mmCIF file of all heavy atoms, coordinates in Angstrom:
data_MODEL
# 
_entry.id   MODEL 
# 
loop_
_atom_site.group_PDB 
_atom_site.id 
_atom_site.type_symbol 
_atom_site.label_atom_id 
_atom_site.label_alt_id 
_atom_site.label_comp_id 
_atom_site.label_asym_id 
_atom_site.label_entity_id 
_atom_site.label_seq_id 
_atom_site.pdbx_PDB_ins_code 
_atom_site.Cartn_x 
_atom_site.Cartn_y 
_atom_site.Cartn_z 
_atom_site.occupancy 
_atom_site.B_iso_or_equiv 
_atom_site.pdbx_formal_charge 
_atom_site.auth_seq_id 
_atom_site.auth_comp_id 
_atom_site.auth_asym_id 
_atom_site.auth_atom_id 
_atom_site.pdbx_PDB_model_num 
ATOM 1   N N   . GLY A 1 1  ? -21.483 39.535 22.003  1.00 0.00 ? 1  GLY A N   1 
ATOM 2   C CA  . GLY A 1 1  ? -22.122 40.276 20.868  1.00 0.00 ? 1  GLY A CA  1 
ATOM 3   C C   . GLY A 1 1  ? -21.447 40.141 19.590  1.00 0.00 ? 1  GLY A C   1 
ATOM 4   O O   . GLY A 1 1  ? -22.051 39.947 18.550  1.00 0.00 ? 1  GLY A O   1 
ATOM 5   N N   . TYR A 1 2  ? -20.080 40.187 19.575  1.00 0.00 ? 2  TYR A N   1 
ATOM 6   C CA  . TYR A 1 2  ? -19.351 40.023 18.409  1.00 0.00 ? 2  TYR A CA  1 
ATOM 7   C C   . TYR A 1 2  ? -19.463 38.599 17.843  1.00 0.00 ? 2  TYR A C   1 
ATOM 8   O O   . TYR A 1 2  ? -19.695 38.389 16.648  1.00 0.00 ? 2  TYR A O   1 
ATOM 9   C CB  . TYR A 1 2  ? -17.910 40.395 18.683  1.00 0.00 ? 2  TYR A CB  1 
ATOM 10  C CG  . TYR A 1 2  ? -16.917 40.135 17.544  1.00 0.00 ? 2  TYR A CG  1 
ATOM 11  C CD1 . TYR A 1 2  ? -16.947 40.936 16.408  1.00 0.00 ? 2  TYR A CD1 1 
ATOM 12  C CD2 . TYR A 1 2  ? -16.137 39.041 17.488  1.00 0.00 ? 2  TYR A CD2 1 
ATOM 13  C CE1 . TYR A 1 2  ? -16.114 40.746 15.401  1.00 0.00 ? 2  TYR A CE1 1 
ATOM 14  C CE2 . TYR A 1 2  ? -15.268 38.787 16.482  1.00 0.00 ? 2  TYR A CE2 1 
ATOM 15  C CZ  . TYR A 1 2  ? -15.249 39.566 15.340  1.00 0.00 ? 2  TYR A CZ  1 
ATOM 16  O OH  . TYR A 1 2  ? -14.444 39.461 14.282  1.00 0.00 ? 2  TYR A OH  1 
ATOM 17  N N   . PHE A 1 3  ? -19.385 37.598 18.784  1.00 0.00 ? 3  PHE A N   1 
ATOM 18  C CA  . PHE A 1 3  ? -19.581 36.220 18.307  1.00 0.00 ? 3  PHE A CA  1 
ATOM 19  C C   . PHE A 1 3  ? -20.870 35.966 17.649  1.00 0.00 ? 3  PHE A C   1 
ATOM 20  O O   . PHE A 1 3  ? -20.947 35.370 16.623  1.00 0.00 ? 3  PHE A O   1 
ATOM 21  C CB  . PHE A 1 3  ? -19.356 35.258 19.522  1.00 0.00 ? 3  PHE A CB  1 
ATOM 22  C CG  . PHE A 1 3  ? -19.538 33.834 19.288  1.00 0.00 ? 3  PHE A CG  1 
ATOM 23  C CD1 . PHE A 1 3  ? -18.445 33.090 18.785  1.00 0.00 ? 3  PHE A CD1 1 
ATOM 24  C CD2 . PHE A 1 3  ? -20.771 33.212 19.474  1.00 0.00 ? 3  PHE A CD2 1 
ATOM 25  C CE1 . PHE A 1 3  ? -18.686 31.705 18.540  1.00 0.00 ? 3  PHE A CE1 1 
ATOM 26  C CE2 . PHE A 1 3  ? -20.904 31.872 19.221  1.00 0.00 ? 3  PHE A CE2 1 
ATOM 27  C CZ  . PHE A 1 3  ? -19.884 31.105 18.755  1.00 0.00 ? 3  PHE A CZ  1 
ATOM 28  N N   . ILE A 1 4  ? -22.008 36.389 18.346  1.00 0.00 ? 4  ILE A N   1 
ATOM 29  C CA  . ILE A 1 4  ? -23.293 36.172 17.788  1.00 0.00 ? 4  ILE A CA  1 
ATOM 30  C C   . ILE A 1 4  ? -23.480 36.799 16.359  1.00 0.00 ? 4  ILE A C   1 
ATOM 31  O O   . ILE A 1 4  ? -24.085 36.220 15.547  1.00 0.00 ? 4  ILE A O   1 
ATOM 32  C CB  . ILE A 1 4  ? -24.442 36.609 18.846  1.00 0.00 ? 4  ILE A CB  1 
ATOM 33  C CG1 . ILE A 1 4  ? -24.281 35.688 20.062  1.00 0.00 ? 4  ILE A CG1 1 
ATOM 34  C CG2 . ILE A 1 4  ? -25.795 36.543 18.201  1.00 0.00 ? 4  ILE A CG2 1 
ATOM 35  C CD1 . ILE A 1 4  ? -25.308 36.033 21.179  1.00 0.00 ? 4  ILE A CD1 1 
ATOM 36  N N   . SER A 1 5  ? -22.992 38.041 16.283  1.00 0.00 ? 5  SER A N   1 
ATOM 37  C CA  . SER A 1 5  ? -23.115 38.728 14.981  1.00 0.00 ? 5  SER A CA  1 
ATOM 38  C C   . SER A 1 5  ? -22.424 37.977 13.910  1.00 0.00 ? 5  SER A C   1 
ATOM 39  O O   . SER A 1 5  ? -22.877 37.850 12.838  1.00 0.00 ? 5  SER A O   1 
ATOM 40  C CB  . SER A 1 5  ? -22.631 40.069 15.088  1.00 0.00 ? 5  SER A CB  1 
ATOM 41  O OG  . SER A 1 5  ? -21.237 40.167 15.348  1.00 0.00 ? 5  SER A OG  1 
ATOM 42  N N   . VAL A 1 6  ? -21.216 37.516 14.234  1.00 0.00 ? 6  VAL A N   1 
ATOM 43  C CA  . VAL A 1 6  ? -20.411 36.727 13.226  1.00 0.00 ? 6  VAL A CA  1 
ATOM 44  C C   . VAL A 1 6  ? -21.192 35.390 12.892  1.00 0.00 ? 6  VAL A C   1 
ATOM 45  O O   . VAL A 1 6  ? -21.272 34.956 11.710  1.00 0.00 ? 6  VAL A O   1 
ATOM 46  C CB  . VAL A 1 6  ? -19.041 36.436 13.618  1.00 0.00 ? 6  VAL A CB  1 
ATOM 47  C CG1 . VAL A 1 6  ? -18.257 35.487 12.747  1.00 0.00 ? 6  VAL A CG1 1 
ATOM 48  C CG2 . VAL A 1 6  ? -18.197 37.700 13.796  1.00 0.00 ? 6  VAL A CG2 1 
ATOM 49  N N   . LEU A 1 7  ? -21.724 34.804 13.860  1.00 0.00 ? 7  LEU A N   1 
ATOM 50  C CA  . LEU A 1 7  ? -22.416 33.452 13.720  1.00 0.00 ? 7  LEU A CA  1 
ATOM 51  C C   . LEU A 1 7  ? -23.675 33.718 12.787  1.00 0.00 ? 7  LEU A C   1 
ATOM 52  O O   . LEU A 1 7  ? -23.941 32.892 11.950  1.00 0.00 ? 7  LEU A O   1 
ATOM 53  C CB  . LEU A 1 7  ? -22.817 32.875 15.031  1.00 0.00 ? 7  LEU A CB  1 
ATOM 54  C CG  . LEU A 1 7  ? -23.615 31.631 15.009  1.00 0.00 ? 7  LEU A CG  1 
ATOM 55  C CD1 . LEU A 1 7  ? -22.805 30.487 14.261  1.00 0.00 ? 7  LEU A CD1 1 
ATOM 56  C CD2 . LEU A 1 7  ? -23.997 31.111 16.391  1.00 0.00 ? 7  LEU A CD2 1 
ATOM 57  N N   . ARG A 1 8  ? -24.399 34.743 13.157  1.00 0.00 ? 8  ARG A N   1 
ATOM 58  C CA  . ARG A 1 8  ? -25.671 34.968 12.347  1.00 0.00 ? 8  ARG A CA  1 
ATOM 59  C C   . ARG A 1 8  ? -25.265 35.372 10.907  1.00 0.00 ? 8  ARG A C   1 
ATOM 60  O O   . ARG A 1 8  ? -26.068 34.984 9.915   1.00 0.00 ? 8  ARG A O   1 
ATOM 61  C CB  . ARG A 1 8  ? -26.442 36.054 12.975  1.00 0.00 ? 8  ARG A CB  1 
ATOM 62  C CG  . ARG A 1 8  ? -27.236 35.604 14.199  1.00 0.00 ? 8  ARG A CG  1 
ATOM 63  C CD  . ARG A 1 8  ? -27.877 36.739 15.003  1.00 0.00 ? 8  ARG A CD  1 
ATOM 64  N NE  . ARG A 1 8  ? -28.843 36.141 16.010  1.00 0.00 ? 8  ARG A NE  1 
ATOM 65  C CZ  . ARG A 1 8  ? -29.295 36.869 17.015  1.00 0.00 ? 8  ARG A CZ  1 
ATOM 66  N NH1 . ARG A 1 8  ? -28.930 38.192 17.056  1.00 0.00 ? 8  ARG A NH1 1 
ATOM 67  N NH2 . ARG A 1 8  ? -30.081 36.395 17.906  1.00 0.00 ? 8  ARG A NH2 1 
ATOM 68  N N   . GLU A 1 9  ? -24.269 36.079 10.691  1.00 0.00 ? 9  GLU A N   1 
ATOM 69  C CA  . GLU A 1 9  ? -23.837 36.410 9.301   1.00 0.00 ? 9  GLU A CA  1 
ATOM 70  C C   . GLU A 1 9  ? -23.391 35.187 8.565   1.00 0.00 ? 9  GLU A C   1 
ATOM 71  O O   . GLU A 1 9  ? -23.729 35.058 7.415   1.00 0.00 ? 9  GLU A O   1 
ATOM 72  C CB  . GLU A 1 9  ? -22.651 37.408 9.417   1.00 0.00 ? 9  GLU A CB  1 
ATOM 73  C CG  . GLU A 1 9  ? -22.226 37.932 7.968   1.00 0.00 ? 9  GLU A CG  1 
ATOM 74  C CD  . GLU A 1 9  ? -21.266 37.112 7.294   1.00 0.00 ? 9  GLU A CD  1 
ATOM 75  O OE1 . GLU A 1 9  ? -20.557 36.296 8.018   1.00 0.00 ? 9  GLU A OE1 1 
ATOM 76  O OE2 . GLU A 1 9  ? -21.115 37.204 6.072   1.00 0.00 ? 9  GLU A OE2 1 
ATOM 77  N N   . ARG A 1 10 ? -22.783 34.300 9.309   1.00 0.00 ? 10 ARG A N   1 
ATOM 78  C CA  . ARG A 1 10 ? -22.359 33.079 8.582   1.00 0.00 ? 10 ARG A CA  1 
ATOM 79  C C   . ARG A 1 10 ? -23.522 32.162 8.246   1.00 0.00 ? 10 ARG A C   1 
ATOM 80  O O   . ARG A 1 10 ? -23.631 31.645 7.108   1.00 0.00 ? 10 ARG A O   1 
ATOM 81  C CB  . ARG A 1 10 ? -21.355 32.242 9.485   1.00 0.00 ? 10 ARG A CB  1 
ATOM 82  C CG  . ARG A 1 10 ? -20.903 30.980 8.931   1.00 0.00 ? 10 ARG A CG  1 
ATOM 83  C CD  . ARG A 1 10 ? -20.109 31.129 7.679   1.00 0.00 ? 10 ARG A CD  1 
ATOM 84  N NE  . ARG A 1 10 ? -19.455 29.941 7.235   1.00 0.00 ? 10 ARG A NE  1 
ATOM 85  C CZ  . ARG A 1 10 ? -18.822 29.836 6.040   1.00 0.00 ? 10 ARG A CZ  1 
ATOM 86  N NH1 . ARG A 1 10 ? -18.811 30.863 5.169   1.00 0.00 ? 10 ARG A NH1 1 
ATOM 87  N NH2 . ARG A 1 10 ? -18.271 28.729 5.715   1.00 0.00 ? 10 ARG A NH2 1 
ATOM 88  N N   . ILE A 1 11 ? -24.514 32.031 9.110   1.00 0.00 ? 11 ILE A N   1 
ATOM 89  C CA  . ILE A 1 11 ? -25.679 31.224 8.840   1.00 0.00 ? 11 ILE A CA  1 
ATOM 90  C C   . ILE A 1 11 ? -26.496 31.833 7.680   1.00 0.00 ? 11 ILE A C   1 
ATOM 91  O O   . ILE A 1 11 ? -27.009 31.089 6.817   1.00 0.00 ? 11 ILE A O   1 
ATOM 92  C CB  . ILE A 1 11 ? -26.518 31.110 10.154  1.00 0.00 ? 11 ILE A CB  1 
ATOM 93  C CG1 . ILE A 1 11 ? -25.814 30.429 11.279  1.00 0.00 ? 11 ILE A CG1 1 
ATOM 94  C CG2 . ILE A 1 11 ? -27.892 30.435 9.777   1.00 0.00 ? 11 ILE A CG2 1 
ATOM 95  C CD1 . ILE A 1 11 ? -25.416 29.065 10.935  1.00 0.00 ? 11 ILE A CD1 1 
ATOM 96  N N   . ALA A 1 12 ? -26.582 33.164 7.652   1.00 0.00 ? 12 ALA A N   1 
ATOM 97  C CA  . ALA A 1 12 ? -27.418 33.814 6.602   1.00 0.00 ? 12 ALA A CA  1 
ATOM 98  C C   . ALA A 1 12 ? -26.815 33.737 5.294   1.00 0.00 ? 12 ALA A C   1 
ATOM 99  O O   . ALA A 1 12 ? -27.493 33.731 4.279   1.00 0.00 ? 12 ALA A O   1 
ATOM 100 C CB  . ALA A 1 12 ? -27.614 35.289 7.018   1.00 0.00 ? 12 ALA A CB  1 
ATOM 101 N N   . ASN A 1 13 ? -25.479 33.530 5.157   1.00 0.00 ? 13 ASN A N   1 
ATOM 102 C CA  . ASN A 1 13 ? -24.823 33.461 3.907   1.00 0.00 ? 13 ASN A CA  1 
ATOM 103 C C   . ASN A 1 13 ? -24.137 32.194 3.542   1.00 0.00 ? 13 ASN A C   1 
ATOM 104 O O   . ASN A 1 13 ? -23.361 32.067 2.563   1.00 0.00 ? 13 ASN A O   1 
ATOM 105 C CB  . ASN A 1 13 ? -23.708 34.613 3.789   1.00 0.00 ? 13 ASN A CB  1 
ATOM 106 C CG  . ASN A 1 13 ? -24.358 35.949 3.934   1.00 0.00 ? 13 ASN A CG  1 
ATOM 107 O OD1 . ASN A 1 13 ? -24.935 36.517 3.038   1.00 0.00 ? 13 ASN A OD1 1 
ATOM 108 N ND2 . ASN A 1 13 ? -24.196 36.604 5.061   1.00 0.00 ? 13 ASN A ND2 1 
ATOM 109 N N   . PHE A 1 14 ? -24.395 31.139 4.370   1.00 0.00 ? 14 PHE A N   1 
ATOM 110 C CA  . PHE A 1 14 ? -23.746 29.841 4.196   1.00 0.00 ? 14 PHE A CA  1 
ATOM 111 C C   . PHE A 1 14 ? -24.144 29.129 2.862   1.00 0.00 ? 14 PHE A C   1 
ATOM 112 O O   . PHE A 1 14 ? -25.409 29.117 2.609   1.00 0.00 ? 14 PHE A O   1 
ATOM 113 C CB  . PHE A 1 14 ? -23.963 28.950 5.361   1.00 0.00 ? 14 PHE A CB  1 
ATOM 114 C CG  . PHE A 1 14 ? -23.220 27.588 5.237   1.00 0.00 ? 14 PHE A CG  1 
ATOM 115 C CD1 . PHE A 1 14 ? -21.908 27.506 5.553   1.00 0.00 ? 14 PHE A CD1 1 
ATOM 116 C CD2 . PHE A 1 14 ? -23.932 26.470 4.840   1.00 0.00 ? 14 PHE A CD2 1 
ATOM 117 C CE1 . PHE A 1 14 ? -21.210 26.319 5.478   1.00 0.00 ? 14 PHE A CE1 1 
ATOM 118 C CE2 . PHE A 1 14 ? -23.244 25.256 4.727   1.00 0.00 ? 14 PHE A CE2 1 
ATOM 119 C CZ  . PHE A 1 14 ? -21.866 25.195 5.025   1.00 0.00 ? 14 PHE A CZ  1 
ATOM 120 N N   . THR A 1 15 ? -23.231 28.676 2.143   1.00 0.00 ? 15 THR A N   1 
ATOM 121 C CA  . THR A 1 15 ? -23.453 27.866 0.944   1.00 0.00 ? 15 THR A CA  1 
ATOM 122 C C   . THR A 1 15 ? -22.623 26.610 0.971   1.00 0.00 ? 15 THR A C   1 
ATOM 123 O O   . THR A 1 15 ? -21.417 26.673 1.283   1.00 0.00 ? 15 THR A O   1 
ATOM 124 C CB  . THR A 1 15 ? -23.135 28.635 -0.288  1.00 0.00 ? 15 THR A CB  1 
ATOM 125 O OG1 . THR A 1 15 ? -23.874 29.909 -0.362  1.00 0.00 ? 15 THR A OG1 1 
ATOM 126 C CG2 . THR A 1 15 ? -23.440 27.868 -1.583  1.00 0.00 ? 15 THR A CG2 1 
ATOM 127 N N   . ALA A 1 16 ? -23.304 25.527 0.831   1.00 0.00 ? 16 ALA A N   1 
ATOM 128 C CA  . ALA A 1 16 ? -22.608 24.297 0.869   1.00 0.00 ? 16 ALA A CA  1 
ATOM 129 C C   . ALA A 1 16 ? -21.599 24.181 -0.226  1.00 0.00 ? 16 ALA A C   1 
ATOM 130 O O   . ALA A 1 16 ? -21.790 24.691 -1.327  1.00 0.00 ? 16 ALA A O   1 
ATOM 131 C CB  . ALA A 1 16 ? -23.539 23.036 0.915   1.00 0.00 ? 16 ALA A CB  1 
ATOM 132 N N   . PRO A 1 17 ? -20.461 23.408 0.049   1.00 0.00 ? 17 PRO A N   1 
ATOM 133 C CA  . PRO A 1 17 ? -19.575 23.212 -1.101  1.00 0.00 ? 17 PRO A CA  1 
ATOM 134 C C   . PRO A 1 17 ? -20.197 22.436 -2.227  1.00 0.00 ? 17 PRO A C   1 
ATOM 135 O O   . PRO A 1 17 ? -21.157 21.712 -2.070  1.00 0.00 ? 17 PRO A O   1 
ATOM 136 C CB  . PRO A 1 17 ? -18.453 22.180 -0.344  1.00 0.00 ? 17 PRO A CB  1 
ATOM 137 C CG  . PRO A 1 17 ? -18.640 22.478 1.090   1.00 0.00 ? 17 PRO A CG  1 
ATOM 138 C CD  . PRO A 1 17 ? -20.060 22.763 1.242   1.00 0.00 ? 17 PRO A CD  1 
ATOM 139 N N   . PRO A 1 18 ? -19.701 22.718 -3.443  1.00 0.00 ? 18 PRO A N   1 
ATOM 140 C CA  . PRO A 1 18 ? -20.302 22.057 -4.725  1.00 0.00 ? 18 PRO A CA  1 
ATOM 141 C C   . PRO A 1 18 ? -20.191 20.572 -4.634  1.00 0.00 ? 18 PRO A C   1 
ATOM 142 O O   . PRO A 1 18 ? -19.193 19.984 -4.125  1.00 0.00 ? 18 PRO A O   1 
ATOM 143 C CB  . PRO A 1 18 ? -19.425 22.611 -5.797  1.00 0.00 ? 18 PRO A CB  1 
ATOM 144 C CG  . PRO A 1 18 ? -18.169 23.176 -5.234  1.00 0.00 ? 18 PRO A CG  1 
ATOM 145 C CD  . PRO A 1 18 ? -18.501 23.521 -3.872  1.00 0.00 ? 18 PRO A CD  1 
ATOM 146 N N   . LEU A 1 19 ? -21.275 19.856 -5.126  1.00 0.00 ? 19 LEU A N   1 
ATOM 147 C CA  . LEU A 1 19 ? -21.268 18.458 -5.058  1.00 0.00 ? 19 LEU A CA  1 
ATOM 148 C C   . LEU A 1 19 ? -20.504 17.961 -6.269  1.00 0.00 ? 19 LEU A C   1 
ATOM 149 O O   . LEU A 1 19 ? -20.261 18.564 -7.274  1.00 0.00 ? 19 LEU A O   1 
ATOM 150 C CB  . LEU A 1 19 ? -22.684 17.870 -5.190  1.00 0.00 ? 19 LEU A CB  1 
ATOM 151 C CG  . LEU A 1 19 ? -23.603 18.362 -3.998  1.00 0.00 ? 19 LEU A CG  1 
ATOM 152 C CD1 . LEU A 1 19 ? -25.073 17.879 -4.337  1.00 0.00 ? 19 LEU A CD1 1 
ATOM 153 C CD2 . LEU A 1 19 ? -23.218 17.590 -2.743  1.00 0.00 ? 19 LEU A CD2 1 
ATOM 154 N N   . PRO A 1 20 ? -19.920 16.677 -6.156  1.00 0.00 ? 20 PRO A N   1 
ATOM 155 C CA  . PRO A 1 20 ? -19.222 16.008 -7.223  1.00 0.00 ? 20 PRO A CA  1 
ATOM 156 C C   . PRO A 1 20 ? -20.167 15.781 -8.408  1.00 0.00 ? 20 PRO A C   1 
ATOM 157 O O   . PRO A 1 20 ? -21.424 15.613 -8.193  1.00 0.00 ? 20 PRO A O   1 
ATOM 158 C CB  . PRO A 1 20 ? -18.708 14.695 -6.632  1.00 0.00 ? 20 PRO A CB  1 
ATOM 159 C CG  . PRO A 1 20 ? -19.528 14.473 -5.450  1.00 0.00 ? 20 PRO A CG  1 
ATOM 160 C CD  . PRO A 1 20 ? -19.899 15.833 -4.936  1.00 0.00 ? 20 PRO A CD  1 
ATOM 161 N N   . THR A 1 21 ? -19.689 15.716 -9.607  1.00 0.00 ? 21 THR A N   1 
ATOM 162 C CA  . THR A 1 21 ? -20.486 15.603 -10.822 1.00 0.00 ? 21 THR A CA  1 
ATOM 163 C C   . THR A 1 21 ? -20.690 14.161 -11.320 1.00 0.00 ? 21 THR A C   1 
ATOM 164 O O   . THR A 1 21 ? -21.307 13.979 -12.313 1.00 0.00 ? 21 THR A O   1 
ATOM 165 C CB  . THR A 1 21 ? -19.944 16.430 -11.918 1.00 0.00 ? 21 THR A CB  1 
ATOM 166 O OG1 . THR A 1 21 ? -18.620 16.050 -12.219 1.00 0.00 ? 21 THR A OG1 1 
ATOM 167 C CG2 . THR A 1 21 ? -19.963 17.908 -11.545 1.00 0.00 ? 21 THR A CG2 1 
ATOM 168 N N   . ASP A 1 22 ? -20.182 13.186 -10.569 1.00 0.00 ? 22 ASP A N   1 
ATOM 169 C CA  . ASP A 1 22 ? -20.272 11.860 -11.104 1.00 0.00 ? 22 ASP A CA  1 
ATOM 170 C C   . ASP A 1 22 ? -21.741 11.344 -10.754 1.00 0.00 ? 22 ASP A C   1 
ATOM 171 O O   . ASP A 1 22 ? -22.531 11.911 -10.072 1.00 0.00 ? 22 ASP A O   1 
ATOM 172 C CB  . ASP A 1 22 ? -19.300 10.902 -10.442 1.00 0.00 ? 22 ASP A CB  1 
ATOM 173 C CG  . ASP A 1 22 ? -19.326 10.934 -8.903  1.00 0.00 ? 22 ASP A CG  1 
ATOM 174 O OD1 . ASP A 1 22 ? -20.056 11.815 -8.441  1.00 0.00 ? 22 ASP A OD1 1 
ATOM 175 O OD2 . ASP A 1 22 ? -18.630 10.080 -8.285  1.00 0.00 ? 22 ASP A OD2 1 
ATOM 176 N N   . GLY A 1 23 ? -22.059 10.184 -11.309 1.00 0.00 ? 23 GLY A N   1 
ATOM 177 C CA  . GLY A 1 23 ? -23.403 9.576  -11.132 1.00 0.00 ? 23 GLY A CA  1 
ATOM 178 C C   . GLY A 1 23 ? -23.704 9.234  -9.761  1.00 0.00 ? 23 GLY A C   1 
ATOM 179 O O   . GLY A 1 23 ? -24.908 9.248  -9.417  1.00 0.00 ? 23 GLY A O   1 
ATOM 180 N N   . ALA A 1 24 ? -22.779 8.984  -8.925  1.00 0.00 ? 24 ALA A N   1 
ATOM 181 C CA  . ALA A 1 24 ? -23.031 8.593  -7.508  1.00 0.00 ? 24 ALA A CA  1 
ATOM 182 C C   . ALA A 1 24 ? -23.649 9.791  -6.705  1.00 0.00 ? 24 ALA A C   1 
ATOM 183 O O   . ALA A 1 24 ? -24.240 9.575  -5.711  1.00 0.00 ? 24 ALA A O   1 
ATOM 184 C CB  . ALA A 1 24 ? -21.744 8.061  -6.821  1.00 0.00 ? 24 ALA A CB  1 
ATOM 185 N N   . ALA A 1 25 ? -23.451 10.971 -7.222  1.00 0.00 ? 25 ALA A N   1 
ATOM 186 C CA  . ALA A 1 25 ? -23.884 12.144 -6.433  1.00 0.00 ? 25 ALA A CA  1 
ATOM 187 C C   . ALA A 1 25 ? -25.235 12.631 -7.014  1.00 0.00 ? 25 ALA A C   1 
ATOM 188 O O   . ALA A 1 25 ? -25.747 13.688 -6.515  1.00 0.00 ? 25 ALA A O   1 
ATOM 189 C CB  . ALA A 1 25 ? -22.822 13.223 -6.458  1.00 0.00 ? 25 ALA A CB  1 
ATOM 190 N N   . VAL A 1 26 ? -25.862 11.939 -7.905  1.00 0.00 ? 26 VAL A N   1 
ATOM 191 C CA  . VAL A 1 26 ? -27.086 12.473 -8.481  1.00 0.00 ? 26 VAL A CA  1 
ATOM 192 C C   . VAL A 1 26 ? -28.193 12.600 -7.359  1.00 0.00 ? 26 VAL A C   1 
ATOM 193 O O   . VAL A 1 26 ? -28.974 13.609 -7.384  1.00 0.00 ? 26 VAL A O   1 
ATOM 194 C CB  . VAL A 1 26 ? -27.613 11.546 -9.625  1.00 0.00 ? 26 VAL A CB  1 
ATOM 195 C CG1 . VAL A 1 26 ? -28.920 11.992 -10.133 1.00 0.00 ? 26 VAL A CG1 1 
ATOM 196 C CG2 . VAL A 1 26 ? -26.593 11.616 -10.739 1.00 0.00 ? 26 VAL A CG2 1 
ATOM 197 N N   . ALA A 1 27 ? -28.268 11.564 -6.572  1.00 0.00 ? 27 ALA A N   1 
ATOM 198 C CA  . ALA A 1 27 ? -29.328 11.588 -5.464  1.00 0.00 ? 27 ALA A CA  1 
ATOM 199 C C   . ALA A 1 27 ? -29.128 12.719 -4.594  1.00 0.00 ? 27 ALA A C   1 
ATOM 200 O O   . ALA A 1 27 ? -30.108 13.145 -3.897  1.00 0.00 ? 27 ALA A O   1 
ATOM 201 C CB  . ALA A 1 27 ? -29.351 10.230 -4.795  1.00 0.00 ? 27 ALA A CB  1 
# 
């Protein structure tokens, strides 16, 4: 129960790391 609650909280609030700002990452 503790594991699933932590997992669902992580999925609900997950934000990907910021992308690099160079031209190669525009796509």
